[in-house]
Amino acid sequence: MSVAIALLRLGKKYEIKLLFDSVSTRVKECYPRELLSSSGPARFEGTLTGRDPLDFQLINIIREVGLLTVLPIALYACAFSTEIEKLLDGYEWNGVRYSLSPVNQRACIIARDKRSELTRRIFTKFFPRPEERHFLESTTCLLCRSRCCSTSLSTDPFAVWDPDWNSRFCKACVADFKARYNRYRKDAFLFLPWMFDVGSNWDQVQKDETSL
């Protein structure tokens, strides 16, 4: 990991495109480039060795050298799998102390508040309150409409469809709900850069990413 960090800094400083792009590719392999159907934004093992378990070191260098297209996913995987104390104070691993940079700490903490806001924004029309049943699409049968209002969603906008919901609704509505739910998850993914104040959308992030 220390070698990769040194090469990224060297490649960026002296604008050695082949070197920078080669190491950047390996860094980006540590995280998915799109939303997974089986989970939210997650950490991959990749081919970089010596990574600390929470990827503080990797996240810091990703931001430092401007690999912005992978930063929101890396921050999400870190922010929601790490205890708040470790985000703030760092942690020790193999005798070394690891800490997030102040800007990455801030991004992770703010995103914890923004996540519930994003869930409400995206899923308002999915399982609405009783007084908002008119939001439900016409394909939802009357019985399932009433059951929708008593069903609680996860606070995670990227949580996968809960198999327990299959028994709450009729077969036709389950198929309709699952299709819409997965569509809303993908809509939420579009706001991931916004959650971490990396950019307003993925197009802006792509435009702002370091390119030699």
N, C-alpha and C. Protein backbone atom coordinates (compact mmCIF):
# COMPACT_ATOMS: atom_id res chain seq x y z
N MET A 1 0.83 -1.21 0.00
CA MET A 1 0.00 0.00 0.00
C MET A 1 0.86 1.26 0.00
N SER A 2 1.93 1.23 0.79
CA SER A 2 2.81 2.40 0.85
C SER A 2 3.48 2.67 -0.50
N VAL A 3 3.78 1.60 -1.24
CA VAL A 3 4.38 1.77 -2.57
C VAL A 3 3.39 2.41 -3.53
N ALA A 4 2.15 1.95 -3.48
CA ALA A 4 1.11 2.51 -4.35
C ALA A 4 0.90 3.99 -4.06
N ILE A 5 0.90 4.36 -2.79
CA ILE A 5 0.73 5.77 -2.41
C ILE A 5 1.88 6.62 -2.96
N ALA A 6 3.09 6.11 -2.80
CA ALA A 6 4.26 6.85 -3.29
C ALA A 6 4.21 7.01 -4.80
N LEU A 7 3.81 5.96 -5.51
CA LEU A 7 3.76 6.03 -6.97
C LEU A 7 2.66 6.98 -7.46
N LEU A 8 1.53 6.99 -6.76
CA LEU A 8 0.46 7.92 -7.13
C LEU A 8 0.92 9.37 -6.97
N ARG A 9 1.56 9.65 -5.86
CA ARG A 9 2.05 11.01 -5.62
C ARG A 9 3.11 11.40 -6.65
N LEU A 10 3.99 10.47 -6.94
CA LEU A 10 5.05 10.72 -7.92
C LEU A 10 4.46 10.94 -9.31
N GLY A 11 3.53 10.07 -9.69
CA GLY A 11 2.91 10.19 -11.00
C GLY A 11 2.16 11.50 -11.17
N LYS A 12 1.45 11.93 -10.12
CA LYS A 12 0.70 13.18 -10.22
C LYS A 12 1.63 14.38 -10.22
N LYS A 13 2.61 14.39 -9.33
CA LYS A 13 3.51 15.54 -9.22
C LYS A 13 4.26 15.80 -10.51
N TYR A 14 4.78 14.73 -11.12
CA TYR A 14 5.59 14.90 -12.32
C TYR A 14 4.82 14.58 -13.61
N GLU A 15 3.51 14.42 -13.46
CA GLU A 15 2.61 14.19 -14.59
C GLU A 15 3.08 13.02 -15.45
N ILE A 16 3.38 11.92 -14.78
CA ILE A 16 3.77 10.69 -15.48
C ILE A 16 2.48 9.88 -15.70
N LYS A 17 1.84 10.08 -16.82
CA LYS A 17 0.51 9.55 -17.08
C LYS A 17 0.46 8.02 -16.98
N LEU A 18 1.40 7.33 -17.62
CA LEU A 18 1.38 5.87 -17.62
C LEU A 18 1.46 5.33 -16.20
N LEU A 19 2.32 5.89 -15.38
CA LEU A 19 2.48 5.46 -14.00
C LEU A 19 1.22 5.75 -13.19
N PHE A 20 0.74 6.97 -13.30
CA PHE A 20 -0.44 7.38 -12.53
C PHE A 20 -1.66 6.55 -12.91
N ASP A 21 -1.89 6.37 -14.20
CA ASP A 21 -3.06 5.61 -14.66
C ASP A 21 -2.97 4.15 -14.24
N SER A 22 -1.77 3.58 -14.28
CA SER A 22 -1.59 2.17 -13.92
C SER A 22 -1.96 1.92 -12.46
N VAL A 23 -1.46 2.77 -11.58
CA VAL A 23 -1.75 2.60 -10.15
C VAL A 23 -3.20 2.99 -9.85
N SER A 24 -3.71 4.01 -10.52
CA SER A 24 -5.10 4.44 -10.32
C SER A 24 -6.08 3.31 -10.65
N THR A 25 -5.77 2.57 -11.70
CA THR A 25 -6.63 1.45 -12.08
C THR A 25 -6.71 0.42 -10.97
N ARG A 26 -5.60 0.13 -10.33
CA ARG A 26 -5.59 -0.84 -9.23
C ARG A 26 -6.35 -0.30 -8.02
N VAL A 27 -6.26 0.99 -7.79
CA VAL A 27 -7.02 1.60 -6.69
C VAL A 27 -8.51 1.49 -6.94
N LYS A 28 -8.93 1.77 -8.17
CA LYS A 28 -10.35 1.73 -8.50
C LYS A 28 -10.93 0.32 -8.46
N GLU A 29 -10.08 -0.67 -8.59
CA GLU A 29 -10.54 -2.06 -8.49
C GLU A 29 -10.92 -2.45 -7.06
N CYS A 30 -10.61 -1.59 -6.11
CA CYS A 30 -10.92 -1.87 -4.71
C CYS A 30 -12.37 -1.57 -4.36
N TYR A 31 -13.10 -0.96 -5.29
CA TYR A 31 -14.50 -0.61 -5.06
C TYR A 31 -15.29 -0.80 -6.35
N PRO A 32 -16.59 -1.12 -6.24
CA PRO A 32 -17.41 -1.27 -7.45
C PRO A 32 -17.64 0.08 -8.11
N ARG A 33 -17.86 0.07 -9.39
CA ARG A 33 -18.10 1.32 -10.13
C ARG A 33 -19.59 1.63 -10.25
N GLU A 34 -20.44 0.68 -9.85
CA GLU A 34 -21.88 0.90 -9.91
C GLU A 34 -22.54 0.20 -8.73
N LEU A 35 -23.81 0.46 -8.52
CA LEU A 35 -24.53 -0.13 -7.40
C LEU A 35 -24.73 -1.62 -7.63
N LEU A 36 -24.36 -2.42 -6.63
CA LEU A 36 -24.50 -3.86 -6.71
C LEU A 36 -25.95 -4.27 -6.44
N SER A 37 -26.41 -5.32 -7.09
CA SER A 37 -27.77 -5.79 -6.85
C SER A 37 -27.90 -6.51 -5.52
N SER A 38 -26.77 -6.97 -4.98
CA SER A 38 -26.80 -7.77 -3.75
C SER A 38 -26.44 -6.99 -2.49
N SER A 39 -26.01 -5.73 -2.65
CA SER A 39 -25.62 -4.93 -1.48
C SER A 39 -25.49 -3.47 -1.88
N GLY A 40 -25.25 -2.65 -0.87
CA GLY A 40 -24.96 -1.25 -1.14
C GLY A 40 -23.50 -1.09 -1.54
N PRO A 41 -23.03 0.16 -1.66
CA PRO A 41 -21.61 0.40 -1.97
C PRO A 41 -20.71 -0.33 -0.98
N ALA A 42 -19.77 -1.10 -1.49
CA ALA A 42 -18.99 -1.99 -0.63
C ALA A 42 -17.51 -1.96 -0.98
N ARG A 43 -16.73 -2.55 -0.12
CA ARG A 43 -15.27 -2.64 -0.28
C ARG A 43 -14.92 -3.96 -0.96
N PHE A 44 -14.11 -3.92 -2.01
CA PHE A 44 -13.58 -5.12 -2.64
C PHE A 44 -12.15 -5.36 -2.15
N GLU A 45 -11.71 -6.59 -2.23
CA GLU A 45 -10.34 -6.89 -1.83
C GLU A 45 -9.33 -6.29 -2.81
N GLY A 46 -9.62 -6.38 -4.10
CA GLY A 46 -8.71 -5.81 -5.09
C GLY A 46 -7.35 -6.49 -5.08
N THR A 47 -6.37 -5.83 -5.70
CA THR A 47 -5.02 -6.40 -5.79
C THR A 47 -3.99 -5.62 -4.98
N LEU A 48 -4.42 -4.56 -4.31
CA LEU A 48 -3.50 -3.80 -3.46
C LEU A 48 -3.33 -4.53 -2.13
N THR A 49 -2.11 -4.73 -1.72
CA THR A 49 -1.85 -5.39 -0.44
C THR A 49 -1.47 -4.35 0.62
N GLY A 50 -1.60 -4.75 1.87
CA GLY A 50 -1.21 -3.86 2.96
C GLY A 50 -2.24 -2.81 3.32
N ARG A 51 -3.47 -2.95 2.85
CA ARG A 51 -4.52 -2.00 3.18
C ARG A 51 -4.95 -2.19 4.63
N ASP A 52 -5.18 -1.08 5.34
CA ASP A 52 -5.72 -1.21 6.69
C ASP A 52 -7.19 -1.64 6.59
N PRO A 53 -7.72 -2.32 7.59
CA PRO A 53 -9.06 -2.91 7.50
C PRO A 53 -10.18 -1.93 7.18
N LEU A 54 -10.04 -0.68 7.58
CA LEU A 54 -11.09 0.32 7.33
C LEU A 54 -10.77 1.23 6.14
N ASP A 55 -9.63 0.99 5.51
CA ASP A 55 -9.23 1.73 4.30
C ASP A 55 -9.04 3.23 4.53
N PHE A 56 -8.69 3.64 5.74
CA PHE A 56 -8.44 5.06 5.99
C PHE A 56 -7.31 5.57 5.09
N GLN A 57 -6.24 4.80 5.02
CA GLN A 57 -5.08 5.21 4.23
C GLN A 57 -5.44 5.33 2.75
N LEU A 58 -6.19 4.38 2.25
CA LEU A 58 -6.57 4.38 0.84
C LEU A 58 -7.52 5.54 0.54
N ILE A 59 -8.48 5.78 1.41
CA ILE A 59 -9.43 6.88 1.19
C ILE A 59 -8.71 8.22 1.18
N ASN A 60 -7.75 8.39 2.08
CA ASN A 60 -7.01 9.66 2.14
C ASN A 60 -6.25 9.92 0.84
N ILE A 61 -5.59 8.89 0.30
CA ILE A 61 -4.83 9.09 -0.92
C ILE A 61 -5.75 9.25 -2.14
N ILE A 62 -6.90 8.59 -2.12
CA ILE A 62 -7.87 8.75 -3.21
C ILE A 62 -8.28 10.20 -3.35
N ARG A 63 -8.56 10.84 -2.22
CA ARG A 63 -8.94 12.26 -2.28
C ARG A 63 -7.74 13.14 -2.62
N GLU A 64 -6.60 12.83 -2.03
CA GLU A 64 -5.41 13.66 -2.22
C GLU A 64 -5.02 13.77 -3.69
N VAL A 65 -5.10 12.65 -4.43
CA VAL A 65 -4.68 12.69 -5.83
C VAL A 65 -5.85 12.91 -6.79
N GLY A 66 -7.07 13.05 -6.24
CA GLY A 66 -8.20 13.43 -7.07
C GLY A 66 -8.89 12.33 -7.84
N LEU A 67 -8.91 11.10 -7.29
CA LEU A 67 -9.64 10.01 -7.95
C LEU A 67 -11.11 10.06 -7.50
N LEU A 68 -11.79 11.10 -7.95
CA LEU A 68 -13.10 11.42 -7.40
C LEU A 68 -14.20 10.44 -7.78
N THR A 69 -14.05 9.71 -8.89
CA THR A 69 -15.13 8.80 -9.29
C THR A 69 -15.24 7.59 -8.36
N VAL A 70 -14.21 7.30 -7.61
CA VAL A 70 -14.27 6.19 -6.67
C VAL A 70 -14.45 6.67 -5.23
N LEU A 71 -14.24 7.95 -4.98
CA LEU A 71 -14.28 8.49 -3.62
C LEU A 71 -15.64 8.34 -2.93
N PRO A 72 -16.77 8.69 -3.56
CA PRO A 72 -18.05 8.54 -2.86
C PRO A 72 -18.34 7.11 -2.41
N ILE A 73 -18.00 6.13 -3.25
CA ILE A 73 -18.24 4.74 -2.90
C ILE A 73 -17.34 4.31 -1.75
N ALA A 74 -16.07 4.73 -1.80
CA ALA A 74 -15.13 4.39 -0.74
C ALA A 74 -15.57 5.02 0.58
N LEU A 75 -16.01 6.26 0.53
CA LEU A 75 -16.46 6.93 1.74
C LEU A 75 -17.71 6.27 2.32
N TYR A 76 -18.63 5.87 1.45
CA TYR A 76 -19.85 5.23 1.93
C TYR A 76 -19.52 3.91 2.64
N ALA A 77 -18.70 3.10 2.01
CA ALA A 77 -18.33 1.82 2.61
C ALA A 77 -17.68 2.01 3.97
N CYS A 78 -16.92 3.08 4.10
CA CYS A 78 -16.24 3.37 5.35
C CYS A 78 -17.20 3.96 6.39
N ALA A 79 -17.96 4.96 5.99
CA ALA A 79 -18.79 5.71 6.93
C ALA A 79 -19.82 4.85 7.64
N PHE A 80 -20.36 3.84 6.94
CA PHE A 80 -21.45 3.08 7.51
C PHE A 80 -21.05 1.67 7.95
N SER A 81 -19.75 1.45 8.03
CA SER A 81 -19.26 0.18 8.59
C SER A 81 -18.25 0.43 9.71
N THR A 82 -18.10 1.69 10.08
CA THR A 82 -17.08 2.09 11.06
C THR A 82 -17.73 2.77 12.26
N GLU A 83 -17.27 2.44 13.43
CA GLU A 83 -17.76 3.10 14.64
C GLU A 83 -17.40 4.58 14.60
N ILE A 84 -18.31 5.41 15.12
CA ILE A 84 -18.10 6.85 15.08
C ILE A 84 -16.81 7.25 15.80
N GLU A 85 -16.46 6.52 16.89
CA GLU A 85 -15.23 6.83 17.62
C GLU A 85 -13.99 6.66 16.74
N LYS A 86 -14.00 5.63 15.89
CA LYS A 86 -12.86 5.40 15.00
C LYS A 86 -12.82 6.43 13.88
N LEU A 87 -13.98 6.87 13.41
CA LEU A 87 -14.00 7.92 12.40
C LEU A 87 -13.38 9.20 12.95
N LEU A 88 -13.65 9.48 14.22
CA LEU A 88 -13.16 10.72 14.82
C LEU A 88 -11.73 10.63 15.33
N ASP A 89 -11.41 9.50 15.96
CA ASP A 89 -10.13 9.38 16.66
C ASP A 89 -9.11 8.49 15.97
N GLY A 90 -9.51 7.77 14.92
CA GLY A 90 -8.61 6.83 14.28
C GLY A 90 -8.54 5.52 15.06
N TYR A 91 -7.66 4.64 14.63
CA TYR A 91 -7.52 3.35 15.29
C TYR A 91 -6.13 2.79 15.00
N GLU A 92 -5.75 1.80 15.77
CA GLU A 92 -4.43 1.20 15.60
C GLU A 92 -4.57 -0.19 15.01
N TRP A 93 -3.69 -0.50 14.06
CA TRP A 93 -3.70 -1.83 13.42
C TRP A 93 -2.25 -2.22 13.10
N ASN A 94 -1.86 -3.38 13.56
CA ASN A 94 -0.49 -3.86 13.35
C ASN A 94 0.56 -2.85 13.82
N GLY A 95 0.25 -2.22 14.94
CA GLY A 95 1.21 -1.28 15.52
C GLY A 95 1.28 0.08 14.87
N VAL A 96 0.38 0.35 13.91
CA VAL A 96 0.37 1.64 13.21
C VAL A 96 -0.96 2.34 13.47
N ARG A 97 -0.92 3.64 13.66
CA ARG A 97 -2.12 4.44 13.89
C ARG A 97 -2.64 4.98 12.57
N TYR A 98 -3.93 4.74 12.30
CA TYR A 98 -4.55 5.21 11.06
C TYR A 98 -5.66 6.19 11.40
N SER A 99 -5.72 7.29 10.66
CA SER A 99 -6.74 8.32 10.86
C SER A 99 -7.20 8.86 9.51
N LEU A 100 -8.46 9.20 9.44
CA LEU A 100 -8.97 9.88 8.25
C LEU A 100 -8.52 11.34 8.28
N SER A 101 -8.31 11.91 7.12
CA SER A 101 -8.00 13.34 7.04
C SER A 101 -9.24 14.12 7.51
N PRO A 102 -9.07 15.35 7.98
CA PRO A 102 -10.23 16.13 8.46
C PRO A 102 -11.36 16.24 7.44
N VAL A 103 -11.03 16.43 6.17
CA VAL A 103 -12.08 16.58 5.17
C VAL A 103 -12.84 15.28 4.97
N ASN A 104 -12.16 14.13 5.08
CA ASN A 104 -12.85 12.85 4.96
C ASN A 104 -13.65 12.53 6.22
N GLN A 105 -13.15 12.92 7.38
CA GLN A 105 -13.93 12.78 8.62
C GLN A 105 -15.24 13.54 8.49
N ARG A 106 -15.14 14.79 8.06
CA ARG A 106 -16.33 15.63 7.93
C ARG A 106 -17.33 15.03 6.95
N ALA A 107 -16.83 14.53 5.82
CA ALA A 107 -17.71 13.95 4.82
C ALA A 107 -18.47 12.75 5.37
N CYS A 108 -17.79 11.89 6.11
CA CYS A 108 -18.41 10.69 6.67
C CYS A 108 -19.47 11.04 7.71
N ILE A 109 -19.18 12.01 8.56
CA ILE A 109 -20.11 12.38 9.63
C ILE A 109 -21.36 13.06 9.06
N ILE A 110 -21.16 13.98 8.12
CA ILE A 110 -22.30 14.65 7.50
C ILE A 110 -23.17 13.65 6.75
N ALA A 111 -22.54 12.69 6.09
CA ALA A 111 -23.30 11.70 5.31
C ALA A 111 -24.20 10.86 6.19
N ARG A 112 -23.84 10.67 7.44
CA ARG A 112 -24.69 9.90 8.36
C ARG A 112 -26.05 10.59 8.54
N ASP A 113 -26.07 11.91 8.50
CA ASP A 113 -27.33 12.65 8.58
C ASP A 113 -28.04 12.67 7.23
N LYS A 114 -27.26 12.82 6.18
CA LYS A 114 -27.85 12.93 4.85
C LYS A 114 -28.48 11.62 4.38
N ARG A 115 -28.01 10.48 4.91
CA ARG A 115 -28.53 9.20 4.43
C ARG A 115 -30.03 9.08 4.68
N SER A 116 -30.49 9.41 5.87
CA SER A 116 -31.92 9.31 6.16
C SER A 116 -32.72 10.30 5.31
N GLU A 117 -32.13 11.48 5.07
CA GLU A 117 -32.79 12.46 4.21
C GLU A 117 -32.93 11.92 2.79
N LEU A 118 -31.88 11.28 2.30
CA LEU A 118 -31.93 10.71 0.95
C LEU A 118 -32.96 9.59 0.87
N THR A 119 -33.04 8.76 1.90
CA THR A 119 -34.03 7.68 1.91
C THR A 119 -35.44 8.25 1.82
N ARG A 120 -35.73 9.28 2.59
CA ARG A 120 -37.07 9.90 2.54
C ARG A 120 -37.33 10.50 1.17
N ARG A 121 -36.33 11.13 0.61
CA ARG A 121 -36.50 11.79 -0.69
C ARG A 121 -36.82 10.76 -1.79
N ILE A 122 -36.12 9.65 -1.77
CA ILE A 122 -36.25 8.67 -2.85
C ILE A 122 -37.47 7.76 -2.66
N PHE A 123 -37.74 7.36 -1.42
CA PHE A 123 -38.75 6.33 -1.17
C PHE A 123 -40.07 6.87 -0.64
N THR A 124 -40.29 8.17 -0.68
CA THR A 124 -41.53 8.75 -0.16
C THR A 124 -42.76 8.08 -0.76
N LYS A 125 -42.71 7.77 -2.03
CA LYS A 125 -43.89 7.23 -2.72
C LYS A 125 -43.95 5.70 -2.68
N PHE A 126 -43.04 5.09 -1.96
CA PHE A 126 -43.02 3.62 -1.99
C PHE A 126 -43.91 3.02 -0.91
N PHE A 127 -43.63 3.29 0.35
CA PHE A 127 -44.48 2.84 1.45
C PHE A 127 -44.95 4.07 2.20
N PRO A 128 -45.90 4.82 1.66
CA PRO A 128 -46.30 6.09 2.25
C PRO A 128 -47.16 5.93 3.50
N ARG A 129 -47.39 7.04 4.19
CA ARG A 129 -48.29 7.05 5.33
C ARG A 129 -49.71 6.92 4.82
N PRO A 130 -50.67 6.52 5.69
CA PRO A 130 -52.05 6.30 5.24
C PRO A 130 -52.64 7.49 4.49
N GLU A 131 -52.35 8.72 4.96
CA GLU A 131 -52.93 9.89 4.30
C GLU A 131 -52.30 10.18 2.95
N GLU A 132 -51.27 9.41 2.58
CA GLU A 132 -50.58 9.64 1.31
C GLU A 132 -50.76 8.46 0.35
N ARG A 133 -51.79 7.67 0.53
CA ARG A 133 -51.96 6.48 -0.30
C ARG A 133 -52.12 6.81 -1.78
N HIS A 134 -52.54 8.05 -2.06
CA HIS A 134 -52.72 8.42 -3.46
C HIS A 134 -51.41 8.38 -4.23
N PHE A 135 -50.24 8.32 -3.51
CA PHE A 135 -48.95 8.22 -4.17
C PHE A 135 -48.74 6.86 -4.83
N LEU A 136 -49.41 5.83 -4.31
CA LEU A 136 -49.20 4.48 -4.81
C LEU A 136 -49.67 4.38 -6.25
N GLU A 137 -48.94 3.63 -7.04
CA GLU A 137 -49.28 3.51 -8.45
C GLU A 137 -50.54 2.68 -8.63
N SER A 138 -51.22 2.89 -9.73
CA SER A 138 -52.52 2.24 -9.98
C SER A 138 -52.41 0.72 -10.07
N THR A 139 -51.20 0.20 -10.25
CA THR A 139 -51.04 -1.25 -10.35
C THR A 139 -51.11 -1.93 -8.98
N THR A 140 -51.09 -1.15 -7.90
CA THR A 140 -51.13 -1.73 -6.56
C THR A 140 -52.57 -2.03 -6.18
N CYS A 141 -52.85 -3.29 -5.80
CA CYS A 141 -54.22 -3.66 -5.45
C CYS A 141 -54.60 -3.03 -4.11
N LEU A 142 -55.90 -2.98 -3.82
CA LEU A 142 -56.40 -2.30 -2.63
C LEU A 142 -55.84 -2.90 -1.35
N LEU A 143 -55.78 -4.23 -1.26
CA LEU A 143 -55.29 -4.88 -0.05
C LEU A 143 -53.82 -4.53 0.18
N CYS A 144 -53.04 -4.58 -0.89
CA CYS A 144 -51.61 -4.29 -0.74
C CYS A 144 -51.36 -2.82 -0.46
N ARG A 145 -52.27 -1.95 -0.91
CA ARG A 145 -52.13 -0.53 -0.58
C ARG A 145 -52.18 -0.32 0.93
N SER A 146 -53.11 -0.98 1.57
CA SER A 146 -53.23 -0.83 3.02
C SER A 146 -52.03 -1.43 3.74
N ARG A 147 -51.49 -2.52 3.21
CA ARG A 147 -50.34 -3.15 3.84
C ARG A 147 -49.07 -2.33 3.64
N CYS A 148 -49.02 -1.58 2.56
CA CYS A 148 -47.85 -0.72 2.31
C CYS A 148 -47.66 0.27 3.45
N CYS A 149 -48.77 0.81 3.92
CA CYS A 149 -48.70 1.88 4.91
C CYS A 149 -48.21 1.39 6.26
N SER A 150 -48.23 0.10 6.49
CA SER A 150 -47.76 -0.45 7.77
C SER A 150 -46.40 -1.13 7.62
N THR A 151 -45.76 -0.94 6.47
CA THR A 151 -44.45 -1.55 6.21
C THR A 151 -43.36 -0.49 6.33
N SER A 152 -42.35 -0.79 7.11
CA SER A 152 -41.26 0.16 7.35
C SER A 152 -40.06 -0.15 6.46
N LEU A 153 -39.50 0.90 5.88
CA LEU A 153 -38.30 0.75 5.07
C LEU A 153 -37.05 0.91 5.93
N SER A 154 -35.95 0.38 5.45
CA SER A 154 -34.66 0.61 6.09
C SER A 154 -34.28 2.07 5.94
N THR A 155 -33.44 2.57 6.84
CA THR A 155 -32.93 3.93 6.71
C THR A 155 -31.80 4.01 5.68
N ASP A 156 -31.39 2.86 5.17
CA ASP A 156 -30.34 2.79 4.16
C ASP A 156 -30.98 2.78 2.77
N PRO A 157 -30.77 3.82 1.96
CA PRO A 157 -31.40 3.86 0.63
C PRO A 157 -30.87 2.80 -0.33
N PHE A 158 -29.77 2.13 0.05
CA PHE A 158 -29.19 1.10 -0.82
C PHE A 158 -29.44 -0.32 -0.30
N ALA A 159 -30.23 -0.43 0.76
CA ALA A 159 -30.55 -1.77 1.28
C ALA A 159 -31.29 -2.56 0.21
N VAL A 160 -31.01 -3.86 0.14
CA VAL A 160 -31.66 -4.70 -0.87
C VAL A 160 -33.08 -5.03 -0.43
N TRP A 161 -33.86 -5.48 -1.35
CA TRP A 161 -35.25 -5.87 -1.09
C TRP A 161 -35.31 -6.91 0.03
N ASP A 162 -36.16 -6.69 1.01
CA ASP A 162 -36.31 -7.60 2.15
C ASP A 162 -37.16 -8.79 1.75
N PRO A 163 -36.63 -10.03 1.78
CA PRO A 163 -37.42 -11.20 1.39
C PRO A 163 -38.69 -11.38 2.21
N ASP A 164 -38.71 -10.85 3.43
CA ASP A 164 -39.92 -10.97 4.27
C ASP A 164 -41.09 -10.23 3.67
N TRP A 165 -40.80 -9.22 2.83
CA TRP A 165 -41.89 -8.47 2.21
C TRP A 165 -42.65 -9.30 1.19
N ASN A 166 -42.04 -10.37 0.70
CA ASN A 166 -42.72 -11.19 -0.31
C ASN A 166 -44.02 -11.78 0.22
N SER A 167 -44.05 -12.06 1.52
CA SER A 167 -45.25 -12.68 2.09
C SER A 167 -46.29 -11.65 2.50
N ARG A 168 -45.95 -10.38 2.43
CA ARG A 168 -46.90 -9.32 2.83
C ARG A 168 -47.84 -8.91 1.70
N PHE A 169 -47.40 -9.16 0.46
CA PHE A 169 -48.16 -8.66 -0.68
C PHE A 169 -48.50 -9.79 -1.64
N CYS A 170 -49.47 -9.52 -2.50
CA CYS A 170 -49.84 -10.52 -3.50
C CYS A 170 -48.72 -10.66 -4.52
N LYS A 171 -48.75 -11.73 -5.29
CA LYS A 171 -47.68 -12.04 -6.23
C LYS A 171 -47.47 -10.93 -7.25
N ALA A 172 -48.57 -10.39 -7.77
CA ALA A 172 -48.47 -9.34 -8.79
C ALA A 172 -47.84 -8.07 -8.21
N CYS A 173 -48.25 -7.73 -6.99
CA CYS A 173 -47.72 -6.52 -6.38
C CYS A 173 -46.27 -6.68 -5.96
N VAL A 174 -45.88 -7.89 -5.54
CA VAL A 174 -44.49 -8.14 -5.20
C VAL A 174 -43.60 -7.88 -6.40
N ALA A 175 -44.00 -8.38 -7.56
CA ALA A 175 -43.21 -8.17 -8.77
C ALA A 175 -43.11 -6.67 -9.10
N ASP A 176 -44.24 -5.97 -8.96
CA ASP A 176 -44.25 -4.53 -9.24
C ASP A 176 -43.40 -3.77 -8.22
N PHE A 177 -43.56 -4.11 -6.94
CA PHE A 177 -42.81 -3.42 -5.89
C PHE A 177 -41.30 -3.64 -6.03
N LYS A 178 -40.91 -4.87 -6.30
CA LYS A 178 -39.48 -5.17 -6.42
C LYS A 178 -38.85 -4.38 -7.56
N ALA A 179 -39.57 -4.30 -8.68
CA ALA A 179 -39.05 -3.56 -9.83
C ALA A 179 -38.90 -2.08 -9.49
N ARG A 180 -39.92 -1.51 -8.84
CA ARG A 180 -39.84 -0.10 -8.47
C ARG A 180 -38.79 0.14 -7.39
N TYR A 181 -38.70 -0.77 -6.43
CA TYR A 181 -37.72 -0.63 -5.35
C TYR A 181 -36.30 -0.60 -5.91
N ASN A 182 -36.02 -1.51 -6.83
CA ASN A 182 -34.68 -1.54 -7.43
C ASN A 182 -34.42 -0.29 -8.27
N ARG A 183 -35.46 0.22 -8.87
CA ARG A 183 -35.30 1.46 -9.64
C ARG A 183 -34.99 2.63 -8.71
N TYR A 184 -35.65 2.67 -7.56
CA TYR A 184 -35.41 3.74 -6.59
C TYR A 184 -34.00 3.63 -5.99
N ARG A 185 -33.52 2.41 -5.77
CA ARG A 185 -32.14 2.23 -5.28
C ARG A 185 -31.15 2.86 -6.27
N LYS A 186 -31.38 2.61 -7.55
CA LYS A 186 -30.50 3.17 -8.57
C LYS A 186 -30.61 4.70 -8.61
N ASP A 187 -31.82 5.21 -8.38
CA ASP A 187 -31.99 6.67 -8.32
C ASP A 187 -31.19 7.24 -7.15
N ALA A 188 -31.22 6.53 -6.01
CA ALA A 188 -30.48 6.99 -4.83
C ALA A 188 -28.98 7.03 -5.11
N PHE A 189 -28.50 6.07 -5.87
CA PHE A 189 -27.08 6.00 -6.19
C PHE A 189 -26.61 7.24 -6.94
N LEU A 190 -27.51 7.86 -7.69
CA LEU A 190 -27.16 9.07 -8.42
C LEU A 190 -26.80 10.21 -7.47
N PHE A 191 -27.31 10.15 -6.23
CA PHE A 191 -27.07 11.21 -5.26
C PHE A 191 -25.88 10.92 -4.34
N LEU A 192 -25.18 9.81 -4.58
CA LEU A 192 -24.08 9.45 -3.69
C LEU A 192 -23.00 10.53 -3.60
N PRO A 193 -22.57 11.15 -4.70
CA PRO A 193 -21.59 12.24 -4.58
C PRO A 193 -22.10 13.39 -3.70
N TRP A 194 -23.40 13.70 -3.80
CA TRP A 194 -24.00 14.76 -2.99
C TRP A 194 -23.92 14.42 -1.51
N MET A 195 -24.14 13.16 -1.16
CA MET A 195 -24.11 12.75 0.25
C MET A 195 -22.79 13.11 0.92
N PHE A 196 -21.69 13.01 0.17
CA PHE A 196 -20.36 13.23 0.73
C PHE A 196 -19.74 14.56 0.27
N ASP A 197 -20.56 15.40 -0.33
CA ASP A 197 -20.10 16.73 -0.76
C ASP A 197 -18.91 16.64 -1.70
N VAL A 198 -18.91 15.60 -2.54
CA VAL A 198 -17.86 15.44 -3.55
C VAL A 198 -18.24 16.13 -4.85
N GLY A 199 -19.53 16.23 -5.09
CA GLY A 199 -20.05 16.86 -6.29
C GLY A 199 -21.55 16.73 -6.29
N SER A 200 -22.22 17.50 -7.12
CA SER A 200 -23.69 17.45 -7.15
C SER A 200 -24.20 16.20 -7.84
N ASN A 201 -23.40 15.62 -8.73
CA ASN A 201 -23.81 14.40 -9.45
C ASN A 201 -22.58 13.72 -10.02
N TRP A 202 -22.79 12.53 -10.60
CA TRP A 202 -21.66 11.75 -11.12
C TRP A 202 -21.01 12.41 -12.33
N ASP A 203 -21.78 13.14 -13.12
CA ASP A 203 -21.20 13.83 -14.27
C ASP A 203 -20.18 14.88 -13.82
N GLN A 204 -20.53 15.61 -12.78
CA GLN A 204 -19.60 16.61 -12.28
C GLN A 204 -18.36 15.96 -11.69
N VAL A 205 -18.56 14.85 -10.98
CA VAL A 205 -17.42 14.13 -10.38
C VAL A 205 -16.47 13.66 -11.48
N GLN A 206 -17.03 13.12 -12.55
CA GLN A 206 -16.21 12.65 -13.67
C GLN A 206 -15.44 13.81 -14.29
N LYS A 207 -16.07 14.94 -14.40
CA LYS A 207 -15.44 16.12 -14.99
C LYS A 207 -14.31 16.64 -14.12
N ASP A 208 -14.49 16.58 -12.79
CA ASP A 208 -13.52 17.14 -11.85
C ASP A 208 -12.38 16.17 -11.49
N GLU A 209 -12.48 14.92 -11.90
CA GLU A 209 -11.46 13.95 -11.53
C GLU A 209 -10.12 14.30 -12.19
N THR A 210 -9.04 14.03 -11.47
CA THR A 210 -7.69 14.28 -12.00
C THR A 210 -7.45 13.49 -13.27
N SER A 211 -6.98 14.15 -14.28
CA SER A 211 -6.64 13.50 -15.56
C SER A 211 -5.34 14.09 -16.08
N LEU A 212 -4.37 13.23 -16.29
CA LEU A 212 -3.06 13.69 -16.76
C LEU A 212 -2.96 13.63 -18.28
